[in-house]
């Protein structure tokens, strides 16, 4: 039987401690048992600039005098093209360019996190890239379409390369936990972190539990619930402006102790509206803590959020 190329490469990189079988037909199973990291096989020779480098140029994130580091540069195509455009660019890749990288003004990570299987290693990669960043770090990753709600566990390609899609919320959570800085969405798969921003607090799991325990006897608004000013028809078909809480599910406490999708709250100063606003703020405080939980154990819950405005505004979800 001829040698399998993937098997040969796997043996060169790393062998498992135990005896393994190989029948010549199941490369995937063998490589998985070997625990071999073949992420470098995902690297390609591109003819054009990648999404990350296009973004930093087109959005004026990088200036001609800035230095640039492509962290996880693969075969170095972006570095060559950036240099040809007059930028001071260098690259780091643990397989192709393993020399110790130097700090740079602008650092990019283009589809690096998608091929890292271990969540702790993802955090370490982000943290190291951030430690090399003087001004801005732009992370680009493959993101799941909106209808895919649950966290993607990832899969292996026919070449044995691990690959996963992120939810945008999940990706931003990873980045904020690893950097302790707020993120900005350029679009749903391009996330920017800036040194000029104010650092954010990250929470341990125990701190989040204590926060939830402290607020558990108070009303906490459900996820994806919002308050807005609507027109309400009253007696004699007259319309008045009144605030209303709205949800996609029947999870809002109604007047008769039943759960409803919508509830009128009155106008500014009314007790019902005050009660609802406090519940929304408590919800946002808890979501913010869960989003920045160091152990990343709330990612499934975070992935179901339709917006992340609560990260910057505790009144998020309230339209005055």
C-alpha atoms as a PDB file:
ATOM      1  CA  UNK A   1       0.000   0.000   0.000  1.00  0.00           C
ATOM      2  CA  UNK A   2       1.306   3.503  -0.899  1.00  0.00           C
ATOM      3  CA  UNK A   3       1.930   5.992   1.891  1.00  0.00           C
ATOM      4  CA  UNK A   4      -0.902   8.426   2.593  1.00  0.00           C
ATOM      5  CA  UNK A   5       0.420  12.037   2.277  1.00  0.00           C
ATOM      6  CA  UNK A   6      -1.621  13.242   5.251  1.00  0.00           C
ATOM      7  CA  UNK A   7      -0.467  10.320   7.346  1.00  0.00           C
ATOM      8  CA  UNK A   8       3.181  10.992   6.453  1.00  0.00           C
ATOM      9  CA  UNK A   9       2.872  14.663   7.333  1.00  0.00           C
ATOM     10  CA  UNK A  10       1.096  13.834  10.569  1.00  0.00           C
ATOM     11  CA  UNK A  11       3.932  11.512  11.577  1.00  0.00           C
ATOM     12  CA  UNK A  12       6.467  14.264  10.912  1.00  0.00           C
ATOM     13  CA  UNK A  13       4.567  16.680  13.141  1.00  0.00           C
ATOM     14  CA  UNK A  14       3.376  14.662  16.091  1.00  0.00           C
ATOM     15  CA  UNK A  15       2.695  11.053  17.081  1.00  0.00           C
ATOM     16  CA  UNK A  16       0.249   9.948  19.739  1.00  0.00           C
ATOM     17  CA  UNK A  17       1.518   8.025  22.740  1.00  0.00           C
ATOM     18  CA  UNK A  18      -0.741   5.045  22.089  1.00  0.00           C
ATOM     19  CA  UNK A  19      -0.756   2.518  19.223  1.00  0.00           C
ATOM     20  CA  UNK A  20      -3.179   3.556  16.479  1.00  0.00           C
ATOM     21  CA  UNK A  21      -4.765   1.636  13.628  1.00  0.00           C
ATOM     22  CA  UNK A  22      -4.933   2.872  10.056  1.00  0.00           C
ATOM     23  CA  UNK A  23      -6.837   1.155   7.257  1.00  0.00           C
ATOM     24  CA  UNK A  24      -5.901   3.537   4.424  1.00  0.00           C
ATOM     25  CA  UNK A  25      -9.495   4.735   4.080  1.00  0.00           C
ATOM     26  CA  UNK A  26     -10.081   6.981   7.073  1.00  0.00           C
ATOM     27  CA  UNK A  27      -7.561   9.826   7.139  1.00  0.00           C
ATOM     28  CA  UNK A  28      -9.901  11.987   9.217  1.00  0.00           C
ATOM     29  CA  UNK A  29     -10.242   9.472  12.051  1.00  0.00           C
ATOM     30  CA  UNK A  30      -6.504   8.893  12.186  1.00  0.00           C
ATOM     31  CA  UNK A  31      -5.532  12.533  12.211  1.00  0.00           C
ATOM     32  CA  UNK A  32      -8.113  13.284  14.855  1.00  0.00           C
ATOM     33  CA  UNK A  33      -6.679  10.575  17.097  1.00  0.00           C
ATOM     34  CA  UNK A  34      -3.171  11.852  16.477  1.00  0.00           C
ATOM     35  CA  UNK A  35      -4.253  15.319  17.679  1.00  0.00           C
ATOM     36  CA  UNK A  36      -2.176  16.819  14.891  1.00  0.00           C
ATOM     37  CA  UNK A  37      -2.485  20.525  14.169  1.00  0.00           C
ATOM     38  CA  UNK A  38      -2.715  20.851  10.395  1.00  0.00           C
ATOM     39  CA  UNK A  39      -4.093  24.397  10.398  1.00  0.00           C
ATOM     40  CA  UNK A  40      -1.223  25.524   8.165  1.00  0.00           C
ATOM     41  CA  UNK A  41      -2.834  23.547   5.334  1.00  0.00           C
ATOM     42  CA  UNK A  42      -5.577  26.175   5.277  1.00  0.00           C
ATOM     43  CA  UNK A  43      -3.054  28.757   4.038  1.00  0.00           C
ATOM     44  CA  UNK A  44      -3.330  29.653   0.347  1.00  0.00           C
ATOM     45  CA  UNK A  45      -1.471  31.786  -2.179  1.00  0.00           C
ATOM     46  CA  UNK A  46      -3.880  34.640  -2.861  1.00  0.00           C
ATOM     47  CA  UNK A  47      -3.780  36.924  -5.883  1.00  0.00           C
ATOM     48  CA  UNK A  48      -5.543  39.761  -4.068  1.00  0.00           C
ATOM     49  CA  UNK A  49      -5.439  41.419  -0.656  1.00  0.00           C
ATOM     50  CA  UNK A  50      -7.486  39.678   1.991  1.00  0.00           C
ATOM     51  CA  UNK A  51     -10.542  41.156   3.681  1.00  0.00           C
ATOM     52  CA  UNK A  52      -8.482  42.365   6.648  1.00  0.00           C
ATOM     53  CA  UNK A  53      -5.908  44.331   4.667  1.00  0.00           C
ATOM     54  CA  UNK A  54      -8.524  45.750   2.325  1.00  0.00           C
ATOM     55  CA  UNK A  55     -10.450  46.984   5.354  1.00  0.00           C
ATOM     56  CA  UNK A  56      -7.547  48.732   7.076  1.00  0.00           C
ATOM     57  CA  UNK A  57      -6.702  50.531   3.827  1.00  0.00           C
ATOM     58  CA  UNK A  58     -10.226  51.400   2.646  1.00  0.00           C
ATOM     59  CA  UNK A  59     -11.379  52.560   6.095  1.00  0.00           C
ATOM     60  CA  UNK A  60      -8.193  54.596   6.686  1.00  0.00           C
ATOM     61  CA  UNK A  61      -7.244  52.563   9.734  1.00  0.00           C
ATOM     62  CA  UNK A  62      -3.661  52.362   8.509  1.00  0.00           C
ATOM     63  CA  UNK A  63      -1.591  55.332   7.322  1.00  0.00           C
ATOM     64  CA  UNK A  64       1.535  55.198   5.184  1.00  0.00           C
ATOM     65  CA  UNK A  65       3.794  55.877   8.166  1.00  0.00           C
ATOM     66  CA  UNK A  66       2.276  53.048  10.256  1.00  0.00           C
ATOM     67  CA  UNK A  67       3.831  49.634  10.678  1.00  0.00           C
ATOM     68  CA  UNK A  68       1.682  46.577   9.973  1.00  0.00           C
ATOM     69  CA  UNK A  69       1.852  43.013  11.279  1.00  0.00           C
ATOM     70  CA  UNK A  70      -0.118  40.188   9.682  1.00  0.00           C
ATOM     71  CA  UNK A  71      -0.487  37.804  12.639  1.00  0.00           C
ATOM     72  CA  UNK A  72      -1.074  34.313  11.239  1.00  0.00           C
ATOM     73  CA  UNK A  73       0.052  35.387   7.780  1.00  0.00           C
ATOM     74  CA  UNK A  74       0.151  31.908   6.246  1.00  0.00           C
ATOM     75  CA  UNK A  75       2.404  31.985   3.205  1.00  0.00           C
ATOM     76  CA  UNK A  76       2.789  35.764   3.402  1.00  0.00           C
ATOM     77  CA  UNK A  77       0.756  36.916   0.399  1.00  0.00           C
ATOM     78  CA  UNK A  78      -0.718  39.921   2.229  1.00  0.00           C
ATOM     79  CA  UNK A  79       2.702  41.036   3.479  1.00  0.00           C
ATOM     80  CA  UNK A  80       4.105  41.073  -0.060  1.00  0.00           C
ATOM     81  CA  UNK A  81       1.128  42.988  -1.434  1.00  0.00           C
ATOM     82  CA  UNK A  82       1.113  45.505   1.412  1.00  0.00           C
ATOM     83  CA  UNK A  83       4.813  46.174   0.844  1.00  0.00           C
ATOM     84  CA  UNK A  84       4.192  46.642  -2.886  1.00  0.00           C
ATOM     85  CA  UNK A  85       1.648  49.337  -1.954  1.00  0.00           C
ATOM     86  CA  UNK A  86       4.228  51.196   0.133  1.00  0.00           C
ATOM     87  CA  UNK A  87       3.299  49.966   3.629  1.00  0.00           C
ATOM     88  CA  UNK A  88       5.789  48.749   6.240  1.00  0.00           C
ATOM     89  CA  UNK A  89       4.426  45.241   6.618  1.00  0.00           C
ATOM     90  CA  UNK A  90       5.729  42.096   8.300  1.00  0.00           C
ATOM     91  CA  UNK A  91       4.226  38.703   9.005  1.00  0.00           C
ATOM     92  CA  UNK A  92       4.161  36.008  11.633  1.00  0.00           C
ATOM     93  CA  UNK A  93       3.014  32.413  11.225  1.00  0.00           C
ATOM     94  CA  UNK A  94       3.968  29.554  13.559  1.00  0.00           C
ATOM     95  CA  UNK A  95       4.558  27.238  10.575  1.00  0.00           C
ATOM     96  CA  UNK A  96       5.740  29.377   7.645  1.00  0.00           C
ATOM     97  CA  UNK A  97       7.302  32.431   9.378  1.00  0.00           C
ATOM     98  CA  UNK A  98       8.034  31.377  12.992  1.00  0.00           C
ATOM     99  CA  UNK A  99      10.502  34.183  13.774  1.00  0.00           C
ATOM    100  CA  UNK A 100       9.540  36.235  16.842  1.00  0.00           C
ATOM    101  CA  UNK A 101       7.186  39.026  15.653  1.00  0.00           C
ATOM    102  CA  UNK A 102       7.831  42.667  16.479  1.00  0.00           C
ATOM    103  CA  UNK A 103       5.135  45.081  17.748  1.00  0.00           C
ATOM    104  CA  UNK A 104       3.328  47.093  15.069  1.00  0.00           C
ATOM    105  CA  UNK A 105       0.913  49.995  14.896  1.00  0.00           C
ATOM    106  CA  UNK A 106      -1.747  47.981  13.074  1.00  0.00           C
ATOM    107  CA  UNK A 107      -2.145  44.223  13.514  1.00  0.00           C
ATOM    108  CA  UNK A 108      -4.465  42.035  11.446  1.00  0.00           C
ATOM    109  CA  UNK A 109      -5.667  38.465  12.013  1.00  0.00           C
ATOM    110  CA  UNK A 110      -7.343  37.170   8.877  1.00  0.00           C
ATOM    111  CA  UNK A 111      -9.352  33.946   9.324  1.00  0.00           C
ATOM    112  CA  UNK A 112      -6.906  32.699  11.960  1.00  0.00           C
ATOM    113  CA  UNK A 113      -9.386  31.945  14.743  1.00  0.00           C
ATOM    114  CA  UNK A 114     -11.525  29.753  12.473  1.00  0.00           C
ATOM    115  CA  UNK A 115      -8.825  27.068  12.356  1.00  0.00           C
ATOM    116  CA  UNK A 116      -7.967  27.008  16.085  1.00  0.00           C
ATOM    117  CA  UNK A 117      -9.872  24.222  17.808  1.00  0.00           C
ATOM    118  CA  UNK A 118      -9.069  24.837  21.489  1.00  0.00           C
ATOM    119  CA  UNK A 119     -10.971  27.839  22.981  1.00  0.00           C
ATOM    120  CA  UNK A 120      -8.063  28.587  25.326  1.00  0.00           C
ATOM    121  CA  UNK A 121      -5.687  28.708  22.361  1.00  0.00           C
ATOM    122  CA  UNK A 122      -8.051  31.136  20.595  1.00  0.00           C
ATOM    123  CA  UNK A 123      -7.883  33.445  23.612  1.00  0.00           C
ATOM    124  CA  UNK A 124      -4.092  33.096  23.755  1.00  0.00           C
ATOM    125  CA  UNK A 125      -3.756  33.930  20.040  1.00  0.00           C
ATOM    126  CA  UNK A 126      -5.896  37.055  20.405  1.00  0.00           C
ATOM    127  CA  UNK A 127      -4.068  38.116  23.568  1.00  0.00           C
ATOM    128  CA  UNK A 128      -0.670  37.713  21.921  1.00  0.00           C
ATOM    129  CA  UNK A 129      -1.740  39.629  18.806  1.00  0.00           C
ATOM    130  CA  UNK A 130      -3.104  42.374  21.073  1.00  0.00           C
ATOM    131  CA  UNK A 131       0.153  42.510  23.049  1.00  0.00           C
ATOM    132  CA  UNK A 132       1.904  43.320  19.752  1.00  0.00           C
ATOM    133  CA  UNK A 133      -0.602  46.048  18.854  1.00  0.00           C
ATOM    134  CA  UNK A 134       0.223  49.720  19.352  1.00  0.00           C
ATOM    135  CA  UNK A 135      -2.901  51.276  17.815  1.00  0.00           C
ATOM    136  CA  UNK A 136      -5.493  48.916  16.325  1.00  0.00           C
ATOM    137  CA  UNK A 137      -6.129  45.195  16.001  1.00  0.00           C
ATOM    138  CA  UNK A 138      -8.499  44.013  13.262  1.00  0.00           C
ATOM    139  CA  UNK A 139      -9.751  40.435  13.498  1.00  0.00           C
ATOM    140  CA  UNK A 140     -11.590  38.871  10.578  1.00  0.00           C
ATOM    141  CA  UNK A 141     -13.328  35.508  10.908  1.00  0.00           C
ATOM    142  CA  UNK A 142     -15.846  33.451   9.022  1.00  0.00           C
ATOM    143  CA  UNK A 143     -19.227  34.123  10.627  1.00  0.00           C
ATOM    144  CA  UNK A 144     -22.367  31.998  10.483  1.00  0.00           C
ATOM    145  CA  UNK A 145     -25.490  33.299   8.753  1.00  0.00           C
ATOM    146  CA  UNK A 146     -28.166  34.831  10.972  1.00  0.00           C
ATOM    147  CA  UNK A 147     -30.445  31.776  11.010  1.00  0.00           C
ATOM    148  CA  UNK A 148     -27.695  29.662  12.579  1.00  0.00           C
ATOM    149  CA  UNK A 149     -28.219  30.422  16.268  1.00  0.00           C
ATOM    150  CA  UNK A 150     -26.322  27.743  18.167  1.00  0.00           C
ATOM    151  CA  UNK A 151     -22.558  27.740  18.636  1.00  0.00           C
ATOM    152  CA  UNK A 152     -20.776  25.857  15.857  1.00  0.00           C
ATOM    153  CA  UNK A 153     -18.535  23.149  17.405  1.00  0.00           C
ATOM    154  CA  UNK A 154     -16.493  22.983  14.212  1.00  0.00           C
ATOM    155  CA  UNK A 155     -15.596  20.177  11.866  1.00  0.00           C
ATOM    156  CA  UNK A 156     -12.616  18.641  10.034  1.00  0.00           C
ATOM    157  CA  UNK A 157     -12.061  18.947   6.313  1.00  0.00           C
ATOM    158  CA  UNK A 158     -11.031  15.992   4.144  1.00  0.00           C
ATOM    159  CA  UNK A 159      -7.424  17.157   4.640  1.00  0.00           C
ATOM    160  CA  UNK A 160      -7.714  16.980   8.421  1.00  0.00           C
ATOM    161  CA  UNK A 161      -7.934  20.747   8.947  1.00  0.00           C
ATOM    162  CA  UNK A 162     -10.196  21.915  11.772  1.00  0.00           C
ATOM    163  CA  UNK A 163     -12.586  24.719  10.819  1.00  0.00           C
ATOM    164  CA  UNK A 164     -15.489  26.486  12.506  1.00  0.00           C
ATOM    165  CA  UNK A 165     -17.835  29.423  11.940  1.00  0.00           C
ATOM    166  CA  UNK A 166     -18.423  31.978  14.668  1.00  0.00           C
ATOM    167  CA  UNK A 167     -21.472  33.927  15.601  1.00  0.00           C
ATOM    168  CA  UNK A 168     -20.627  37.642  15.575  1.00  0.00           C
ATOM    169  CA  UNK A 169     -21.652  37.893  19.239  1.00  0.00           C
ATOM    170  CA  UNK A 170     -19.454  34.908  20.087  1.00  0.00           C
ATOM    171  CA  UNK A 171     -16.474  36.370  18.205  1.00  0.00           C
ATOM    172  CA  UNK A 172     -16.764  39.735  19.951  1.00  0.00           C
ATOM    173  CA  UNK A 173     -17.020  38.018  23.341  1.00  0.00           C
ATOM    174  CA  UNK A 174     -13.767  36.138  22.703  1.00  0.00           C
ATOM    175  CA  UNK A 175     -11.998  39.335  21.678  1.00  0.00           C
ATOM    176  CA  UNK A 176     -13.184  41.455  24.617  1.00  0.00           C
ATOM    177  CA  UNK A 177     -12.296  38.739  27.136  1.00  0.00           C
ATOM    178  CA  UNK A 178      -8.817  38.302  25.618  1.00  0.00           C
ATOM    179  CA  UNK A 179      -8.010  42.019  25.292  1.00  0.00           C
ATOM    180  CA  UNK A 180     -10.031  43.675  28.100  1.00  0.00           C
ATOM    181  CA  UNK A 181     -10.996  46.313  25.540  1.00  0.00           C
ATOM    182  CA  UNK A 182     -14.314  47.088  23.804  1.00  0.00           C
ATOM    183  CA  UNK A 183     -14.879  45.927  20.244  1.00  0.00           C
ATOM    184  CA  UNK A 184     -16.296  47.698  17.198  1.00  0.00           C
ATOM    185  CA  UNK A 185     -18.116  45.924  14.392  1.00  0.00           C
ATOM    186  CA  UNK A 186     -16.977  47.129  10.962  1.00  0.00           C
ATOM    187  CA  UNK A 187     -19.316  44.441   9.675  1.00  0.00           C
ATOM    188  CA  UNK A 188     -20.423  41.148  11.140  1.00  0.00           C
ATOM    189  CA  UNK A 189     -17.133  39.362  10.374  1.00  0.00           C
ATOM    190  CA  UNK A 190     -14.667  42.270  10.854  1.00  0.00           C
ATOM    191  CA  UNK A 191     -14.071  43.274  14.482  1.00  0.00           C
ATOM    192  CA  UNK A 192     -11.828  46.186  15.478  1.00  0.00           C
ATOM    193  CA  UNK A 193     -10.124  46.862  18.822  1.00  0.00           C
ATOM    194  CA  UNK A 194      -8.445  50.213  19.523  1.00  0.00           C
ATOM    195  CA  UNK A 195      -5.807  51.111  22.103  1.00  0.00           C
ATOM    196  CA  UNK A 196      -7.318  54.578  22.405  1.00  0.00           C
ATOM    197  CA  UNK A 197     -10.518  53.134  23.907  1.00  0.00           C
ATOM    198  CA  UNK A 198     -11.135  52.737  27.632  1.00  0.00           C
ATOM    199  CA  UNK A 199     -10.468  49.228  29.033  1.00  0.00           C
ATOM    200  CA  UNK A 200     -13.499  47.192  30.122  1.00  0.00           C
ATOM    201  CA  UNK A 201     -14.065  44.988  33.147  1.00  0.00           C
ATOM    202  CA  UNK A 202     -14.047  41.244  32.591  1.00  0.00           C
ATOM    203  CA  UNK A 203     -15.852  38.981  35.032  1.00  0.00           C
ATOM    204  CA  UNK A 204     -15.039  35.598  36.518  1.00  0.00           C
ATOM    205  CA  UNK A 205     -17.806  32.989  36.596  1.00  0.00           C
ATOM    206  CA  UNK A 206     -18.101  33.347  40.355  1.00  0.00           C
ATOM    207  CA  UNK A 207     -18.512  37.127  40.046  1.00  0.00           C
ATOM    208  CA  UNK A 208     -21.312  36.672  37.497  1.00  0.00           C
ATOM    209  CA  UNK A 209     -23.054  34.175  39.789  1.00  0.00           C
ATOM    210  CA  UNK A 210     -22.848  36.589  42.731  1.00  0.00           C
ATOM    211  CA  UNK A 211     -24.314  39.378  40.571  1.00  0.00           C
ATOM    212  CA  UNK A 212     -27.215  37.177  39.450  1.00  0.00           C
ATOM    213  CA  UNK A 213     -27.806  36.036  43.029  1.00  0.00           C
ATOM    214  CA  UNK A 214     -27.926  39.643  44.255  1.00  0.00           C
ATOM    215  CA  UNK A 215     -30.580  40.558  41.665  1.00  0.00           C
ATOM    216  CA  UNK A 216     -32.611  37.336  41.617  1.00  0.00           C
ATOM    217  CA  UNK A 217     -35.448  38.695  43.801  1.00  0.00           C
ATOM    218  CA  UNK A 218     -35.926  41.737  41.578  1.00  0.00           C
ATOM    219  CA  UNK A 219     -37.613  41.889  38.186  1.00  0.00           C
ATOM    220  CA  UNK A 220     -35.204  41.204  35.298  1.00  0.00           C
ATOM    221  CA  UNK A 221     -36.494  41.824  31.780  1.00  0.00           C
ATOM    222  CA  UNK A 222     -36.210  38.874  29.343  1.00  0.00           C
ATOM    223  CA  UNK A 223     -33.597  38.757  26.599  1.00  0.00           C
ATOM    224  CA  UNK A 224     -34.538  40.459  23.303  1.00  0.00           C
ATOM    225  CA  UNK A 225     -37.295  42.487  24.971  1.00  0.00           C
ATOM    226  CA  UNK A 226     -37.574  46.214  24.297  1.00  0.00           C
ATOM    227  CA  UNK A 227     -39.622  49.267  25.294  1.00  0.00           C
ATOM    228  CA  UNK A 228     -40.844  51.850  22.811  1.00  0.00           C
ATOM    229  CA  UNK A 229     -43.304  54.724  22.546  1.00  0.00           C
ATOM    230  CA  UNK A 230     -46.445  53.679  20.619  1.00  0.00           C
ATOM    231  CA  UNK A 231     -49.870  55.058  19.813  1.00  0.00           C
ATOM    232  CA  UNK A 232     -52.611  53.492  21.927  1.00  0.00           C
ATOM    233  CA  UNK A 233     -56.270  53.662  21.036  1.00  0.00           C
ATOM    234  CA  UNK A 234     -58.500  54.381  24.031  1.00  0.00           C
ATOM    235  CA  UNK A 235     -62.174  55.262  24.494  1.00  0.00           C
ATOM    236  CA  UNK A 236     -63.907  57.162  21.710  1.00  0.00           C
ATOM    237  CA  UNK A 237     -61.209  55.902  19.309  1.00  0.00           C
ATOM    238  CA  UNK A 238     -58.830  58.567  20.577  1.00  0.00           C
ATOM    239  CA  UNK A 239     -55.074  57.950  20.201  1.00  0.00           C
ATOM    240  CA  UNK A 240     -52.555  58.706  22.926  1.00  0.00           C
ATOM    241  CA  UNK A 241     -48.806  58.109  23.129  1.00  0.00           C
ATOM    242  CA  UNK A 242     -47.843  55.483  25.672  1.00  0.00           C
ATOM    243  CA  UNK A 243     -44.839  53.250  26.329  1.00  0.00           C
ATOM    244  CA  UNK A 244     -45.116  49.529  25.657  1.00  0.00           C
ATOM    245  CA  UNK A 245     -42.880  46.556  26.419  1.00  0.00           C
ATOM    246  CA  UNK A 246     -42.620  44.094  23.518  1.00  0.00           C
ATOM    247  CA  UNK A 247     -41.139  40.601  23.209  1.00  0.00           C
ATOM    248  CA  UNK A 248     -41.102  37.843  20.594  1.00  0.00           C
ATOM    249  CA  UNK A 249     -42.290  35.353  23.222  1.00  0.00           C
ATOM    250  CA  UNK A 250     -44.890  35.290  25.973  1.00  0.00           C
ATOM    251  CA  UNK A 251     -42.483  36.125  28.787  1.00  0.00           C
ATOM    252  CA  UNK A 252     -43.624  39.575  29.974  1.00  0.00           C
ATOM    253  CA  UNK A 253     -45.654  39.531  33.236  1.00  0.00           C
ATOM    254  CA  UNK A 254     -49.180  40.740  32.394  1.00  0.00           C
ATOM    255  CA  UNK A 255     -51.691  42.645  34.491  1.00  0.00           C
ATOM    256  CA  UNK A 256     -53.512  39.436  35.472  1.00  0.00           C
ATOM    257  CA  UNK A 257     -50.303  37.549  36.324  1.00  0.00           C
ATOM    258  CA  UNK A 258     -50.327  35.792  32.961  1.00  0.00           C
ATOM    259  CA  UNK A 259     -47.405  36.085  30.546  1.00  0.00           C
ATOM    260  CA  UNK A 260     -47.875  38.157  27.414  1.00  0.00           C
ATOM    261  CA  UNK A 261     -45.897  39.356  24.374  1.00  0.00           C
ATOM    262  CA  UNK A 262     -46.878  43.021  24.803  1.00  0.00           C
ATOM    263  CA  UNK A 263     -47.779  45.173  27.774  1.00  0.00           C
ATOM    264  CA  UNK A 264     -48.737  48.838  28.000  1.00  0.00           C
ATOM    265  CA  UNK A 265     -46.669  50.714  30.595  1.00  0.00           C
ATOM    266  CA  UNK A 266     -48.145  54.197  30.648  1.00  0.00           C
ATOM    267  CA  UNK A 267     -46.209  57.432  30.319  1.00  0.00           C
ATOM    268  CA  UNK A 268     -43.056  58.874  31.904  1.00  0.00           C
ATOM    269  CA  UNK A 269     -43.389  58.863  35.670  1.00  0.00           C
ATOM    270  CA  UNK A 270     -45.876  55.967  35.790  1.00  0.00           C
ATOM    271  CA  UNK A 271     -44.942  53.168  38.196  1.00  0.00           C
ATOM    272  CA  UNK A 272     -45.373  50.486  35.517  1.00  0.00           C
ATOM    273  CA  UNK A 273     -42.859  52.181  33.227  1.00  0.00           C
ATOM    274  CA  UNK A 274     -40.395  52.769  36.072  1.00  0.00           C
ATOM    275  CA  UNK A 275     -40.678  49.067  37.023  1.00  0.00           C
ATOM    276  CA  UNK A 276     -40.009  47.960  33.436  1.00  0.00           C
ATOM    277  CA  UNK A 277     -37.062  50.319  32.900  1.00  0.00           C
ATOM    278  CA  UNK A 278     -35.351  49.069  36.073  1.00  0.00           C
ATOM    279  CA  UNK A 279     -35.903  45.501  34.860  1.00  0.00           C
ATOM    280  CA  UNK A 280     -34.319  46.346  31.500  1.00  0.00           C
ATOM    281  CA  UNK A 281     -31.282  47.907  33.170  1.00  0.00           C
ATOM    282  CA  UNK A 282     -30.797  44.892  35.439  1.00  0.00           C
ATOM    283  CA  UNK A 283     -31.026  42.655  32.369  1.00  0.00           C
ATOM    284  CA  UNK A 284     -28.370  44.710  30.581  1.00  0.00           C
ATOM    285  CA  UNK A 285     -26.023  44.660  33.593  1.00  0.00           C
ATOM    286  CA  UNK A 286     -26.231  40.864  33.752  1.00  0.00           C
ATOM    287  CA  UNK A 287     -25.812  40.445  29.980  1.00  0.00           C
ATOM    288  CA  UNK A 288     -22.748  42.683  30.007  1.00  0.00           C
ATOM    289  CA  UNK A 289     -21.170  40.563  32.755  1.00  0.00           C
ATOM    290  CA  UNK A 290     -22.005  37.294  30.963  1.00  0.00           C
ATOM    291  CA  UNK A 291     -20.670  38.636  27.673  1.00  0.00           C
ATOM    292  CA  UNK A 292     -17.324  39.427  29.314  1.00  0.00           C
ATOM    293  CA  UNK A 293     -17.116  36.282  31.442  1.00  0.00           C
ATOM    294  CA  UNK A 294     -13.503  35.056  31.376  1.00  0.00           C
ATOM    295  CA  UNK A 295     -14.512  31.400  31.254  1.00  0.00           C
ATOM    296  CA  UNK A 296     -16.771  31.974  28.187  1.00  0.00           C
ATOM    297  CA  UNK A 297     -19.459  29.700  29.610  1.00  0.00           C
ATOM    298  CA  UNK A 298     -22.391  31.877  28.520  1.00  0.00           C
ATOM    299  CA  UNK A 299     -21.648  31.828  24.782  1.00  0.00           C
ATOM    300  CA  UNK A 300     -24.800  29.852  23.907  1.00  0.00           C
ATOM    301  CA  UNK A 301     -26.919  32.512  25.614  1.00  0.00           C
ATOM    302  CA  UNK A 302     -24.923  35.362  24.072  1.00  0.00           C
ATOM    303  CA  UNK A 303     -25.319  33.856  20.591  1.00  0.00           C
ATOM    304  CA  UNK A 304     -29.107  34.224  20.838  1.00  0.00           C
ATOM    305  CA  UNK A 305     -28.960  37.981  21.301  1.00  0.00           C
ATOM    306  CA  UNK A 306     -30.180  40.055  18.380  1.00  0.00           C
ATOM    307  CA  UNK A 307     -28.189  43.142  19.449  1.00  0.00           C
ATOM    308  CA  UNK A 308     -25.252  44.108  21.662  1.00  0.00           C
ATOM    309  CA  UNK A 309     -26.093  47.736  22.429  1.00  0.00           C
ATOM    310  CA  UNK A 310     -26.133  46.918  26.150  1.00  0.00           C
ATOM    311  CA  UNK A 311     -22.331  46.827  26.054  1.00  0.00           C
ATOM    312  CA  UNK A 312     -22.244  50.618  25.772  1.00  0.00           C
ATOM    313  CA  UNK A 313     -25.640  51.667  27.135  1.00  0.00           C
ATOM    314  CA  UNK A 314     -27.504  50.293  30.146  1.00  0.00           C
ATOM    315  CA  UNK A 315     -30.681  51.850  28.687  1.00  0.00           C
ATOM    316  CA  UNK A 316     -30.302  49.646  25.617  1.00  0.00           C
ATOM    317  CA  UNK A 317     -33.659  48.415  24.373  1.00  0.00           C
ATOM    318  CA  UNK A 318     -35.492  51.532  25.593  1.00  0.00           C
ATOM    319  CA  UNK A 319     -36.622  54.037  22.956  1.00  0.00           C
ATOM    320  CA  UNK A 320     -37.472  57.293  24.635  1.00  0.00           C
END
